[in-house]
Amino acid sequence: MAVEPVTLTSVKAAPNHGRMLRERLATILPQLVLAPSLFATLIYVFVFCGWTIWISLSNSSLLPDYSISGFHHYVELWSNRRWTIAYTNLFLFTSLYVIGATAIGLLLAILIDQRVRAEALWRTIYLYPLAVSFVVTGTVWRWLLSPSTGVERVVHQLGWASFKFDWLVQREMAIYTVVITGIWQASGFVMALFLAGLRSIDPDLVKAAQIDGASMPRIYRRIILPAIGPIFISVLVVLLQFAIKTFDLVIALTGGGPGIATTVPAIYVYDLMFQRGQMAEGAAAAIMILLALSLVLVPYTIWKNWRERREAARG
């Protein structure tokens, strides 16, 4: 029986083959690990979004009915006073929430960036609200803002009998209690993002500006803040997502009341689909929320891809 001689070529081929196999496995393994999550995301996002759109165009009520009836549920939705109030509340809450959380978070980040004492302690304090769920936040702030248990009662017990702070039960002011609570919840998160951006600035730029006689407010306005412009965009997108999807915070704090004064679209969708059994109109309302999210996420995705291609082109 002839035995094939071992040559130098065959000895080199074995390690090369093993290395190629390992490289191929290293390329394929991450894809295999991510495949189930990507498949689940595909089903959850695209399939269920398509199903919701179909239901919104159908005659569904308590149970799905797949016969198409057109866009009259959308017409009924926008002619409903509660829905218009919910969308108005969403616009008001989103505007004040985004502006307030961004401003306070940026201010906190600038203060901590001055290398204050016990910096780790301050960061922990500011980030603590982020670790608390919206339900817990809403419940605690409901106790604080309630005239019978909160700030107003404490001040009355101290002797100031004429003091009033009953925003939580006033129709005109209740939405602002939601804004205050939301800002308290999000400011620490915004602070962490801005602080990371501030710490990424080259200290030599700041020192050079100080040598030229520029004051710190001018340095922040002309050098530092423009340099962290992309973080402003990221903060804006994240906060807009939080605001548009707000549900549990409002439920825990006001329950959508007094009356419908603090109702937001997510609460209205829940009420239609699970309380009243109006599935088609609830699906139409859900699509309106999805559209609002798309108006935030799609431009951000386009901008991000454009920015990455421009940076790649610059090398």
C-alpha atoms as a PDB file:
ATOM      1  CA  MET A   1       0.000   0.000   0.000  1.00  0.00           C
ATOM      2  CA  ALA A   2       1.516   3.296  -1.113  1.00  0.00           C
ATOM      3  CA  VAL A   3       1.839   6.068   1.441  1.00  0.00           C
ATOM      4  CA  GLU A   4       1.649   9.646   0.193  1.00  0.00           C
ATOM      5  CA  PRO A   5       4.806  11.449   1.146  1.00  0.00           C
ATOM      6  CA  VAL A   6       4.549  14.409   3.483  1.00  0.00           C
ATOM      7  CA  THR A   7       5.710  17.512   1.662  1.00  0.00           C
ATOM      8  CA  LEU A   8       6.375  21.063   2.775  1.00  0.00           C
ATOM      9  CA  THR A   9       3.311  22.252   0.839  1.00  0.00           C
ATOM     10  CA  SER A  10       0.965  19.890   2.682  1.00  0.00           C
ATOM     11  CA  VAL A  11       2.441  20.921   6.045  1.00  0.00           C
ATOM     12  CA  LYS A  12       1.783  24.626   5.279  1.00  0.00           C
ATOM     13  CA  ALA A  13      -1.698  23.937   3.892  1.00  0.00           C
ATOM     14  CA  ALA A  14      -3.011  22.476   7.165  1.00  0.00           C
ATOM     15  CA  PRO A  15      -2.377  25.594   9.316  1.00  0.00           C
ATOM     16  CA  ASN A  16      -3.664  27.848   6.516  1.00  0.00           C
ATOM     17  CA  HIS A  17      -6.848  25.822   6.259  1.00  0.00           C
ATOM     18  CA  GLY A  18      -7.360  26.002  10.025  1.00  0.00           C
ATOM     19  CA  ARG A  19      -6.763  29.744  10.063  1.00  0.00           C
ATOM     20  CA  MET A  20      -9.237  30.289   7.211  1.00  0.00           C
ATOM     21  CA  LEU A  21     -11.822  28.197   9.063  1.00  0.00           C
ATOM     22  CA  ARG A  22     -11.370  30.230  12.244  1.00  0.00           C
ATOM     23  CA  GLU A  23     -11.643  33.503  10.330  1.00  0.00           C
ATOM     24  CA  ARG A  24     -14.798  32.338   8.597  1.00  0.00           C
ATOM     25  CA  LEU A  25     -16.275  31.189  11.912  1.00  0.00           C
ATOM     26  CA  ALA A  26     -15.386  34.520  13.527  1.00  0.00           C
ATOM     27  CA  THR A  27     -17.254  36.267  10.712  1.00  0.00           C
ATOM     28  CA  ILE A  28     -20.327  34.044  10.776  1.00  0.00           C
ATOM     29  CA  LEU A  29     -20.685  33.573  14.558  1.00  0.00           C
ATOM     30  CA  PRO A  30     -21.820  37.164  15.346  1.00  0.00           C
ATOM     31  CA  GLN A  31     -24.381  36.907  12.566  1.00  0.00           C
ATOM     32  CA  LEU A  32     -25.687  33.627  13.967  1.00  0.00           C
ATOM     33  CA  VAL A  33     -25.920  35.104  17.451  1.00  0.00           C
ATOM     34  CA  LEU A  34     -27.782  38.199  16.217  1.00  0.00           C
ATOM     35  CA  ALA A  35     -30.046  36.361  13.786  1.00  0.00           C
ATOM     36  CA  PRO A  36     -32.783  35.383  16.322  1.00  0.00           C
ATOM     37  CA  SER A  37     -32.977  38.954  17.681  1.00  0.00           C
ATOM     38  CA  LEU A  38     -33.054  40.434  14.192  1.00  0.00           C
ATOM     39  CA  PHE A  39     -35.768  37.997  13.144  1.00  0.00           C
ATOM     40  CA  ALA A  40     -37.845  38.788  16.227  1.00  0.00           C
ATOM     41  CA  THR A  41     -37.378  42.526  15.593  1.00  0.00           C
ATOM     42  CA  LEU A  42     -38.444  42.077  11.982  1.00  0.00           C
ATOM     43  CA  ILE A  43     -41.616  40.292  13.065  1.00  0.00           C
ATOM     44  CA  TYR A  44     -42.353  42.669  15.928  1.00  0.00           C
ATOM     45  CA  VAL A  45     -41.784  45.888  13.996  1.00  0.00           C
ATOM     46  CA  PHE A  46     -42.758  45.310  10.377  1.00  0.00           C
ATOM     47  CA  VAL A  47     -45.268  42.461  10.597  1.00  0.00           C
ATOM     48  CA  PHE A  48     -47.201  43.882  13.547  1.00  0.00           C
ATOM     49  CA  CYS A  49     -47.051  47.421  12.145  1.00  0.00           C
ATOM     50  CA  GLY A  50     -48.522  46.109   8.909  1.00  0.00           C
ATOM     51  CA  TRP A  51     -51.197  44.229  10.855  1.00  0.00           C
ATOM     52  CA  THR A  52     -52.057  47.377  12.850  1.00  0.00           C
ATOM     53  CA  ILE A  53     -52.396  49.418   9.658  1.00  0.00           C
ATOM     54  CA  TRP A  54     -54.736  46.764   8.228  1.00  0.00           C
ATOM     55  CA  ILE A  55     -56.846  46.749  11.393  1.00  0.00           C
ATOM     56  CA  SER A  56     -57.067  50.555  11.323  1.00  0.00           C
ATOM     57  CA  LEU A  57     -58.623  50.309   7.853  1.00  0.00           C
ATOM     58  CA  SER A  58     -61.027  47.495   8.794  1.00  0.00           C
ATOM     59  CA  ASN A  59     -64.406  47.167  10.513  1.00  0.00           C
ATOM     60  CA  SER A  60     -62.880  45.655  13.663  1.00  0.00           C
ATOM     61  CA  SER A  61     -64.509  46.352  16.989  1.00  0.00           C
ATOM     62  CA  LEU A  62     -64.053  44.011  19.957  1.00  0.00           C
ATOM     63  CA  LEU A  63     -62.506  41.326  17.703  1.00  0.00           C
ATOM     64  CA  PRO A  64     -60.530  41.682  14.455  1.00  0.00           C
ATOM     65  CA  ASP A  65     -62.556  41.959  11.275  1.00  0.00           C
ATOM     66  CA  TYR A  66     -60.359  41.973   8.195  1.00  0.00           C
ATOM     67  CA  SER A  67     -62.879  43.514   5.790  1.00  0.00           C
ATOM     68  CA  ILE A  68     -61.596  46.881   4.572  1.00  0.00           C
ATOM     69  CA  SER A  69     -63.746  49.917   5.331  1.00  0.00           C
ATOM     70  CA  GLY A  70     -61.415  52.768   4.339  1.00  0.00           C
ATOM     71  CA  PHE A  71     -60.050  55.728   6.263  1.00  0.00           C
ATOM     72  CA  HIS A  72     -63.187  56.761   8.122  1.00  0.00           C
ATOM     73  CA  HIS A  73     -61.677  55.702  11.473  1.00  0.00           C
ATOM     74  CA  TYR A  74     -58.946  58.296  10.972  1.00  0.00           C
ATOM     75  CA  VAL A  75     -61.593  60.912  10.177  1.00  0.00           C
ATOM     76  CA  GLU A  76     -63.546  60.000  13.304  1.00  0.00           C
ATOM     77  CA  LEU A  77     -60.348  60.071  15.331  1.00  0.00           C
ATOM     78  CA  TRP A  78     -59.435  63.637  14.371  1.00  0.00           C
ATOM     79  CA  SER A  79     -63.000  64.816  14.857  1.00  0.00           C
ATOM     80  CA  ASN A  80     -62.967  63.495  18.433  1.00  0.00           C
ATOM     81  CA  ARG A  81     -62.420  66.233  21.025  1.00  0.00           C
ATOM     82  CA  ARG A  82     -60.567  63.958  23.421  1.00  0.00           C
ATOM     83  CA  TRP A  83     -58.051  62.995  20.745  1.00  0.00           C
ATOM     84  CA  THR A  84     -57.363  66.607  19.787  1.00  0.00           C
ATOM     85  CA  ILE A  85     -56.847  67.452  23.457  1.00  0.00           C
ATOM     86  CA  ALA A  86     -54.509  64.462  23.808  1.00  0.00           C
ATOM     87  CA  TYR A  87     -52.443  65.570  20.813  1.00  0.00           C
ATOM     88  CA  THR A  88     -52.370  69.166  22.067  1.00  0.00           C
ATOM     89  CA  ASN A  89     -51.169  67.923  25.454  1.00  0.00           C
ATOM     90  CA  LEU A  90     -48.503  65.846  23.726  1.00  0.00           C
ATOM     91  CA  PHE A  91     -47.233  68.878  21.811  1.00  0.00           C
ATOM     92  CA  LEU A  92     -47.175  71.052  24.944  1.00  0.00           C
ATOM     93  CA  PHE A  93     -45.563  68.376  27.104  1.00  0.00           C
ATOM     94  CA  THR A  94     -42.974  67.483  24.452  1.00  0.00           C
ATOM     95  CA  SER A  95     -41.941  71.097  23.871  1.00  0.00           C
ATOM     96  CA  LEU A  96     -41.501  71.990  27.546  1.00  0.00           C
ATOM     97  CA  TYR A  97     -40.057  68.589  28.474  1.00  0.00           C
ATOM     98  CA  VAL A  98     -37.379  68.622  25.778  1.00  0.00           C
ATOM     99  CA  ILE A  99     -36.387  72.247  26.350  1.00  0.00           C
ATOM    100  CA  GLY A 100     -36.400  71.944  30.156  1.00  0.00           C
ATOM    101  CA  ALA A 101     -34.540  68.629  30.381  1.00  0.00           C
ATOM    102  CA  THR A 102     -31.947  69.758  27.830  1.00  0.00           C
ATOM    103  CA  ALA A 103     -31.320  73.093  29.557  1.00  0.00           C
ATOM    104  CA  ILE A 104     -31.110  71.666  33.077  1.00  0.00           C
ATOM    105  CA  GLY A 105     -29.038  68.669  31.976  1.00  0.00           C
ATOM    106  CA  LEU A 106     -26.593  70.921  30.125  1.00  0.00           C
ATOM    107  CA  LEU A 107     -26.308  73.250  33.126  1.00  0.00           C
ATOM    108  CA  LEU A 108     -25.612  70.344  35.476  1.00  0.00           C
ATOM    109  CA  ALA A 109     -23.015  68.932  33.078  1.00  0.00           C
ATOM    110  CA  ILE A 110     -21.223  72.293  32.850  1.00  0.00           C
ATOM    111  CA  LEU A 111     -21.202  72.644  36.646  1.00  0.00           C
ATOM    112  CA  ILE A 112     -19.808  69.142  37.184  1.00  0.00           C
ATOM    113  CA  ASP A 113     -17.256  69.709  34.405  1.00  0.00           C
ATOM    114  CA  GLN A 114     -15.610  72.327  36.629  1.00  0.00           C
ATOM    115  CA  ARG A 115     -14.025  69.453  38.609  1.00  0.00           C
ATOM    116  CA  VAL A 116     -16.098  70.080  41.720  1.00  0.00           C
ATOM    117  CA  ARG A 117     -15.465  68.235  44.949  1.00  0.00           C
ATOM    118  CA  ALA A 118     -17.291  64.934  45.470  1.00  0.00           C
ATOM    119  CA  GLU A 119     -17.984  64.782  41.749  1.00  0.00           C
ATOM    120  CA  ALA A 120     -18.872  61.080  41.872  1.00  0.00           C
ATOM    121  CA  LEU A 121     -21.454  61.759  44.584  1.00  0.00           C
ATOM    122  CA  TRP A 122     -23.096  64.554  42.573  1.00  0.00           C
ATOM    123  CA  ARG A 123     -23.184  62.392  39.454  1.00  0.00           C
ATOM    124  CA  THR A 124     -24.851  59.620  41.434  1.00  0.00           C
ATOM    125  CA  ILE A 125     -27.448  62.000  42.851  1.00  0.00           C
ATOM    126  CA  TYR A 126     -28.299  63.435  39.452  1.00  0.00           C
ATOM    127  CA  LEU A 127     -28.435  60.022  37.798  1.00  0.00           C
ATOM    128  CA  TYR A 128     -30.558  58.440  40.520  1.00  0.00           C
ATOM    129  CA  PRO A 129     -33.931  59.434  38.964  1.00  0.00           C
ATOM    130  CA  LEU A 130     -32.945  57.499  35.846  1.00  0.00           C
ATOM    131  CA  ALA A 131     -32.816  54.289  37.890  1.00  0.00           C
ATOM    132  CA  VAL A 132     -36.401  54.810  39.098  1.00  0.00           C
ATOM    133  CA  SER A 133     -39.269  53.593  36.939  1.00  0.00           C
ATOM    134  CA  PHE A 134     -41.816  56.044  35.568  1.00  0.00           C
ATOM    135  CA  VAL A 135     -44.507  54.421  37.704  1.00  0.00           C
ATOM    136  CA  VAL A 136     -42.531  54.985  40.914  1.00  0.00           C
ATOM    137  CA  THR A 137     -41.652  58.521  39.824  1.00  0.00           C
ATOM    138  CA  GLY A 138     -45.283  59.351  39.082  1.00  0.00           C
ATOM    139  CA  THR A 139     -46.487  57.866  42.365  1.00  0.00           C
ATOM    140  CA  VAL A 140     -43.949  59.743  44.492  1.00  0.00           C
ATOM    141  CA  TRP A 141     -44.569  63.048  42.752  1.00  0.00           C
ATOM    142  CA  ARG A 142     -48.333  62.548  43.099  1.00  0.00           C
ATOM    143  CA  TRP A 143     -47.807  62.390  46.878  1.00  0.00           C
ATOM    144  CA  LEU A 144     -45.606  65.495  46.759  1.00  0.00           C
ATOM    145  CA  LEU A 145     -47.961  67.550  44.610  1.00  0.00           C
ATOM    146  CA  SER A 146     -51.255  66.452  46.122  1.00  0.00           C
ATOM    147  CA  PRO A 147     -52.828  69.229  48.244  1.00  0.00           C
ATOM    148  CA  SER A 148     -53.837  66.709  50.914  1.00  0.00           C
ATOM    149  CA  THR A 149     -50.480  64.940  51.343  1.00  0.00           C
ATOM    150  CA  GLY A 150     -47.728  66.996  49.774  1.00  0.00           C
ATOM    151  CA  VAL A 151     -46.079  70.388  49.791  1.00  0.00           C
ATOM    152  CA  GLU A 152     -49.262  72.361  50.425  1.00  0.00           C
ATOM    153  CA  ARG A 153     -50.126  70.386  53.538  1.00  0.00           C
ATOM    154  CA  VAL A 154     -46.580  70.657  54.933  1.00  0.00           C
ATOM    155  CA  VAL A 155     -46.570  74.437  54.469  1.00  0.00           C
ATOM    156  CA  HIS A 156     -49.997  74.676  56.125  1.00  0.00           C
ATOM    157  CA  GLN A 157     -48.675  72.731  59.102  1.00  0.00           C
ATOM    158  CA  LEU A 158     -45.796  75.212  59.348  1.00  0.00           C
ATOM    159  CA  GLY A 159     -48.326  77.998  59.815  1.00  0.00           C
ATOM    160  CA  TRP A 160     -48.800  79.472  56.332  1.00  0.00           C
ATOM    161  CA  ALA A 161     -52.523  78.749  56.019  1.00  0.00           C
ATOM    162  CA  SER A 162     -53.064  80.782  52.830  1.00  0.00           C
ATOM    163  CA  PHE A 163     -50.437  78.920  50.792  1.00  0.00           C
ATOM    164  CA  LYS A 164     -51.822  77.018  47.795  1.00  0.00           C
ATOM    165  CA  PHE A 165     -50.074  74.621  45.451  1.00  0.00           C
ATOM    166  CA  ASP A 166     -52.847  72.572  43.901  1.00  0.00           C
ATOM    167  CA  TRP A 167     -51.682  72.295  40.297  1.00  0.00           C
ATOM    168  CA  LEU A 168     -52.338  68.558  40.345  1.00  0.00           C
ATOM    169  CA  VAL A 169     -56.103  69.076  40.645  1.00  0.00           C
ATOM    170  CA  GLN A 170     -56.407  72.116  38.376  1.00  0.00           C
ATOM    171  CA  ARG A 171     -57.366  71.413  34.763  1.00  0.00           C
ATOM    172  CA  GLU A 172     -55.249  74.270  33.397  1.00  0.00           C
ATOM    173  CA  MET A 173     -52.127  73.474  35.434  1.00  0.00           C
ATOM    174  CA  ALA A 174     -52.125  69.681  35.743  1.00  0.00           C
ATOM    175  CA  ILE A 175     -50.176  69.150  32.514  1.00  0.00           C
ATOM    176  CA  TYR A 176     -47.339  71.252  33.949  1.00  0.00           C
ATOM    177  CA  THR A 177     -46.985  68.838  36.860  1.00  0.00           C
ATOM    178  CA  VAL A 178     -46.351  66.125  34.270  1.00  0.00           C
ATOM    179  CA  VAL A 179     -43.727  68.359  32.648  1.00  0.00           C
ATOM    180  CA  ILE A 180     -41.977  68.994  35.988  1.00  0.00           C
ATOM    181  CA  THR A 181     -41.939  65.305  36.831  1.00  0.00           C
ATOM    182  CA  GLY A 182     -40.653  64.326  33.402  1.00  0.00           C
ATOM    183  CA  ILE A 183     -37.856  66.888  33.549  1.00  0.00           C
ATOM    184  CA  TRP A 184     -36.821  65.623  36.986  1.00  0.00           C
ATOM    185  CA  GLN A 185     -36.685  62.100  35.592  1.00  0.00           C
ATOM    186  CA  ALA A 186     -34.680  62.905  32.444  1.00  0.00           C
ATOM    187  CA  SER A 187     -32.284  65.672  33.478  1.00  0.00           C
ATOM    188  CA  GLY A 188     -29.696  63.296  34.962  1.00  0.00           C
ATOM    189  CA  PHE A 189     -29.628  61.217  31.791  1.00  0.00           C
ATOM    190  CA  VAL A 190     -29.136  64.340  29.676  1.00  0.00           C
ATOM    191  CA  MET A 191     -26.422  65.499  32.075  1.00  0.00           C
ATOM    192  CA  ALA A 192     -24.514  62.231  31.613  1.00  0.00           C
ATOM    193  CA  LEU A 193     -24.587  62.546  27.815  1.00  0.00           C
ATOM    194  CA  PHE A 194     -23.446  66.170  27.841  1.00  0.00           C
ATOM    195  CA  LEU A 195     -20.773  65.505  30.462  1.00  0.00           C
ATOM    196  CA  ALA A 196     -19.299  62.755  28.289  1.00  0.00           C
ATOM    197  CA  GLY A 197     -19.187  65.216  25.397  1.00  0.00           C
ATOM    198  CA  LEU A 198     -17.603  67.966  27.480  1.00  0.00           C
ATOM    199  CA  ARG A 199     -14.927  65.603  28.753  1.00  0.00           C
ATOM    200  CA  SER A 200     -14.060  64.658  25.165  1.00  0.00           C
ATOM    201  CA  ILE A 201     -13.028  68.233  24.288  1.00  0.00           C
ATOM    202  CA  ASP A 202      -9.276  68.734  23.923  1.00  0.00           C
ATOM    203  CA  PRO A 203      -8.131  70.752  26.991  1.00  0.00           C
ATOM    204  CA  ASP A 204      -5.473  72.456  24.849  1.00  0.00           C
ATOM    205  CA  LEU A 205      -8.227  74.252  22.912  1.00  0.00           C
ATOM    206  CA  VAL A 206      -9.646  75.678  26.115  1.00  0.00           C
ATOM    207  CA  LYS A 207      -6.208  76.690  27.408  1.00  0.00           C
ATOM    208  CA  ALA A 208      -5.367  78.399  24.117  1.00  0.00           C
ATOM    209  CA  ALA A 209      -8.619  80.357  24.234  1.00  0.00           C
ATOM    210  CA  GLN A 210      -7.948  81.380  27.851  1.00  0.00           C
ATOM    211  CA  ILE A 211      -4.458  82.575  26.901  1.00  0.00           C
ATOM    212  CA  ASP A 212      -6.052  84.724  24.188  1.00  0.00           C
ATOM    213  CA  GLY A 213      -8.192  86.331  26.883  1.00  0.00           C
ATOM    214  CA  ALA A 214     -11.546  84.653  26.196  1.00  0.00           C
ATOM    215  CA  SER A 215     -13.884  84.284  29.165  1.00  0.00           C
ATOM    216  CA  MET A 216     -15.355  80.896  30.082  1.00  0.00           C
ATOM    217  CA  PRO A 217     -18.899  81.797  28.920  1.00  0.00           C
ATOM    218  CA  ARG A 218     -17.453  82.837  25.555  1.00  0.00           C
ATOM    219  CA  ILE A 219     -15.349  79.659  25.366  1.00  0.00           C
ATOM    220  CA  TYR A 220     -18.406  77.523  25.994  1.00  0.00           C
ATOM    221  CA  ARG A 221     -20.507  79.470  23.493  1.00  0.00           C
ATOM    222  CA  ARG A 222     -17.953  79.631  20.675  1.00  0.00           C
ATOM    223  CA  ILE A 223     -15.815  76.484  21.121  1.00  0.00           C
ATOM    224  CA  ILE A 224     -17.174  73.812  23.430  1.00  0.00           C
ATOM    225  CA  LEU A 225     -20.910  73.780  22.669  1.00  0.00           C
ATOM    226  CA  PRO A 226     -20.470  73.789  18.864  1.00  0.00           C
ATOM    227  CA  ALA A 227     -18.012  70.906  19.221  1.00  0.00           C
ATOM    228  CA  ILE A 228     -20.638  68.727  20.940  1.00  0.00           C
ATOM    229  CA  GLY A 229     -23.353  69.533  18.417  1.00  0.00           C
ATOM    230  CA  PRO A 230     -23.994  65.836  17.549  1.00  0.00           C
ATOM    231  CA  ILE A 231     -24.768  65.160  21.227  1.00  0.00           C
ATOM    232  CA  PHE A 232     -27.471  67.826  21.097  1.00  0.00           C
ATOM    233  CA  ILE A 233     -29.048  65.939  18.196  1.00  0.00           C
ATOM    234  CA  SER A 234     -28.867  62.630  20.074  1.00  0.00           C
ATOM    235  CA  VAL A 235     -30.385  64.166  23.215  1.00  0.00           C
ATOM    236  CA  LEU A 236     -33.171  65.720  21.155  1.00  0.00           C
ATOM    237  CA  VAL A 237     -34.050  62.423  19.471  1.00  0.00           C
ATOM    238  CA  VAL A 238     -34.002  60.406  22.715  1.00  0.00           C
ATOM    239  CA  LEU A 239     -36.143  62.922  24.593  1.00  0.00           C
ATOM    240  CA  LEU A 240     -38.633  63.174  21.739  1.00  0.00           C
ATOM    241  CA  GLN A 241     -39.026  59.393  21.778  1.00  0.00           C
ATOM    242  CA  PHE A 242     -39.598  59.424  25.534  1.00  0.00           C
ATOM    243  CA  ALA A 243     -42.169  62.206  25.221  1.00  0.00           C
ATOM    244  CA  ILE A 244     -44.154  60.715  22.348  1.00  0.00           C
ATOM    245  CA  LYS A 245     -44.396  57.313  24.042  1.00  0.00           C
ATOM    246  CA  THR A 246     -45.296  58.737  27.475  1.00  0.00           C
ATOM    247  CA  PHE A 247     -47.901  56.558  29.160  1.00  0.00           C
ATOM    248  CA  ASP A 248     -46.994  55.137  32.572  1.00  0.00           C
ATOM    249  CA  LEU A 249     -45.753  58.461  33.978  1.00  0.00           C
ATOM    250  CA  VAL A 250     -49.086  60.158  33.266  1.00  0.00           C
ATOM    251  CA  ILE A 251     -51.096  57.159  34.485  1.00  0.00           C
ATOM    252  CA  ALA A 252     -49.226  57.062  37.793  1.00  0.00           C
ATOM    253  CA  LEU A 253     -49.227  60.840  38.317  1.00  0.00           C
ATOM    254  CA  THR A 254     -52.639  62.049  37.151  1.00  0.00           C
ATOM    255  CA  GLY A 255     -54.402  59.094  35.519  1.00  0.00           C
ATOM    256  CA  GLY A 256     -55.072  61.390  32.569  1.00  0.00           C
ATOM    257  CA  GLY A 257     -57.101  63.769  34.739  1.00  0.00           C
ATOM    258  CA  PRO A 258     -58.512  65.832  36.166  1.00  0.00           C
ATOM    259  CA  GLY A 259     -61.147  64.905  33.603  1.00  0.00           C
ATOM    260  CA  ILE A 260     -59.174  64.572  30.364  1.00  0.00           C
ATOM    261  CA  ALA A 261     -56.844  67.503  31.085  1.00  0.00           C
ATOM    262  CA  THR A 262     -53.629  65.419  30.952  1.00  0.00           C
ATOM    263  CA  THR A 263     -54.688  62.710  28.522  1.00  0.00           C
ATOM    264  CA  VAL A 264     -51.968  61.862  25.990  1.00  0.00           C
ATOM    265  CA  PRO A 265     -52.300  59.758  22.806  1.00  0.00           C
ATOM    266  CA  ALA A 266     -50.920  56.569  24.374  1.00  0.00           C
ATOM    267  CA  ILE A 267     -53.592  56.687  27.097  1.00  0.00           C
ATOM    268  CA  TYR A 268     -56.273  57.275  24.482  1.00  0.00           C
ATOM    269  CA  VAL A 269     -55.075  54.242  22.475  1.00  0.00           C
ATOM    270  CA  TYR A 270     -55.167  52.052  25.571  1.00  0.00           C
ATOM    271  CA  ASP A 271     -58.655  53.274  26.435  1.00  0.00           C
ATOM    272  CA  LEU A 272     -60.006  52.617  22.933  1.00  0.00           C
ATOM    273  CA  MET A 273     -58.516  49.161  22.484  1.00  0.00           C
ATOM    274  CA  PHE A 274     -58.756  47.668  25.965  1.00  0.00           C
ATOM    275  CA  GLN A 275     -61.524  49.605  27.729  1.00  0.00           C
ATOM    276  CA  ARG A 276     -64.044  50.396  24.993  1.00  0.00           C
ATOM    277  CA  GLY A 277     -63.309  47.574  22.557  1.00  0.00           C
ATOM    278  CA  GLN A 278     -62.945  49.945  19.581  1.00  0.00           C
ATOM    279  CA  MET A 279     -60.031  48.115  18.011  1.00  0.00           C
ATOM    280  CA  ALA A 280     -60.032  49.786  14.596  1.00  0.00           C
ATOM    281  CA  GLU A 281     -60.073  53.346  15.936  1.00  0.00           C
ATOM    282  CA  GLY A 282     -57.489  52.418  18.551  1.00  0.00           C
ATOM    283  CA  ALA A 283     -55.260  51.026  15.792  1.00  0.00           C
ATOM    284  CA  ALA A 284     -55.689  54.271  13.849  1.00  0.00           C
ATOM    285  CA  ALA A 285     -54.601  56.232  16.926  1.00  0.00           C
ATOM    286  CA  ALA A 286     -51.602  53.923  17.334  1.00  0.00           C
ATOM    287  CA  ILE A 287     -50.605  54.572  13.725  1.00  0.00           C
ATOM    288  CA  MET A 288     -50.744  58.305  14.428  1.00  0.00           C
ATOM    289  CA  ILE A 289     -48.278  57.790  17.288  1.00  0.00           C
ATOM    290  CA  LEU A 290     -46.088  55.690  14.978  1.00  0.00           C
ATOM    291  CA  LEU A 291     -46.190  58.488  12.421  1.00  0.00           C
ATOM    292  CA  ALA A 292     -45.067  60.983  15.056  1.00  0.00           C
ATOM    293  CA  LEU A 293     -42.166  58.706  16.000  1.00  0.00           C
ATOM    294  CA  SER A 294     -41.262  58.288  12.337  1.00  0.00           C
ATOM    295  CA  LEU A 295     -41.081  62.050  11.914  1.00  0.00           C
ATOM    296  CA  VAL A 296     -38.373  61.982  14.587  1.00  0.00           C
ATOM    297  CA  LEU A 297     -36.475  58.790  13.781  1.00  0.00           C
ATOM    298  CA  VAL A 298     -36.419  58.850   9.977  1.00  0.00           C
ATOM    299  CA  PRO A 299     -34.772  62.293   9.627  1.00  0.00           C
ATOM    300  CA  TYR A 300     -32.316  61.381  12.389  1.00  0.00           C
ATOM    301  CA  THR A 301     -31.391  58.126  10.635  1.00  0.00           C
ATOM    302  CA  ILE A 302     -30.920  59.942   7.315  1.00  0.00           C
ATOM    303  CA  TRP A 303     -28.773  62.602   8.986  1.00  0.00           C
ATOM    304  CA  LYS A 304     -26.681  60.020  10.819  1.00  0.00           C
ATOM    305  CA  ASN A 305     -26.017  57.991   7.665  1.00  0.00           C
ATOM    306  CA  TRP A 306     -25.128  61.154   5.739  1.00  0.00           C
ATOM    307  CA  ARG A 307     -22.727  62.211   8.496  1.00  0.00           C
ATOM    308  CA  GLU A 308     -21.048  58.796   8.583  1.00  0.00           C
ATOM    309  CA  ARG A 309     -20.584  58.802   4.798  1.00  0.00           C
ATOM    310  CA  ARG A 310     -19.138  62.310   4.899  1.00  0.00           C
ATOM    311  CA  GLU A 311     -16.667  61.357   7.629  1.00  0.00           C
ATOM    312  CA  ALA A 312     -15.700  58.202   5.695  1.00  0.00           C
ATOM    313  CA  ALA A 313     -15.131  60.272   2.564  1.00  0.00           C
ATOM    314  CA  ARG A 314     -12.862  62.626   4.499  1.00  0.00           C
ATOM    315  CA  GLY A 315     -10.877  59.621   5.737  1.00  0.00           C
END
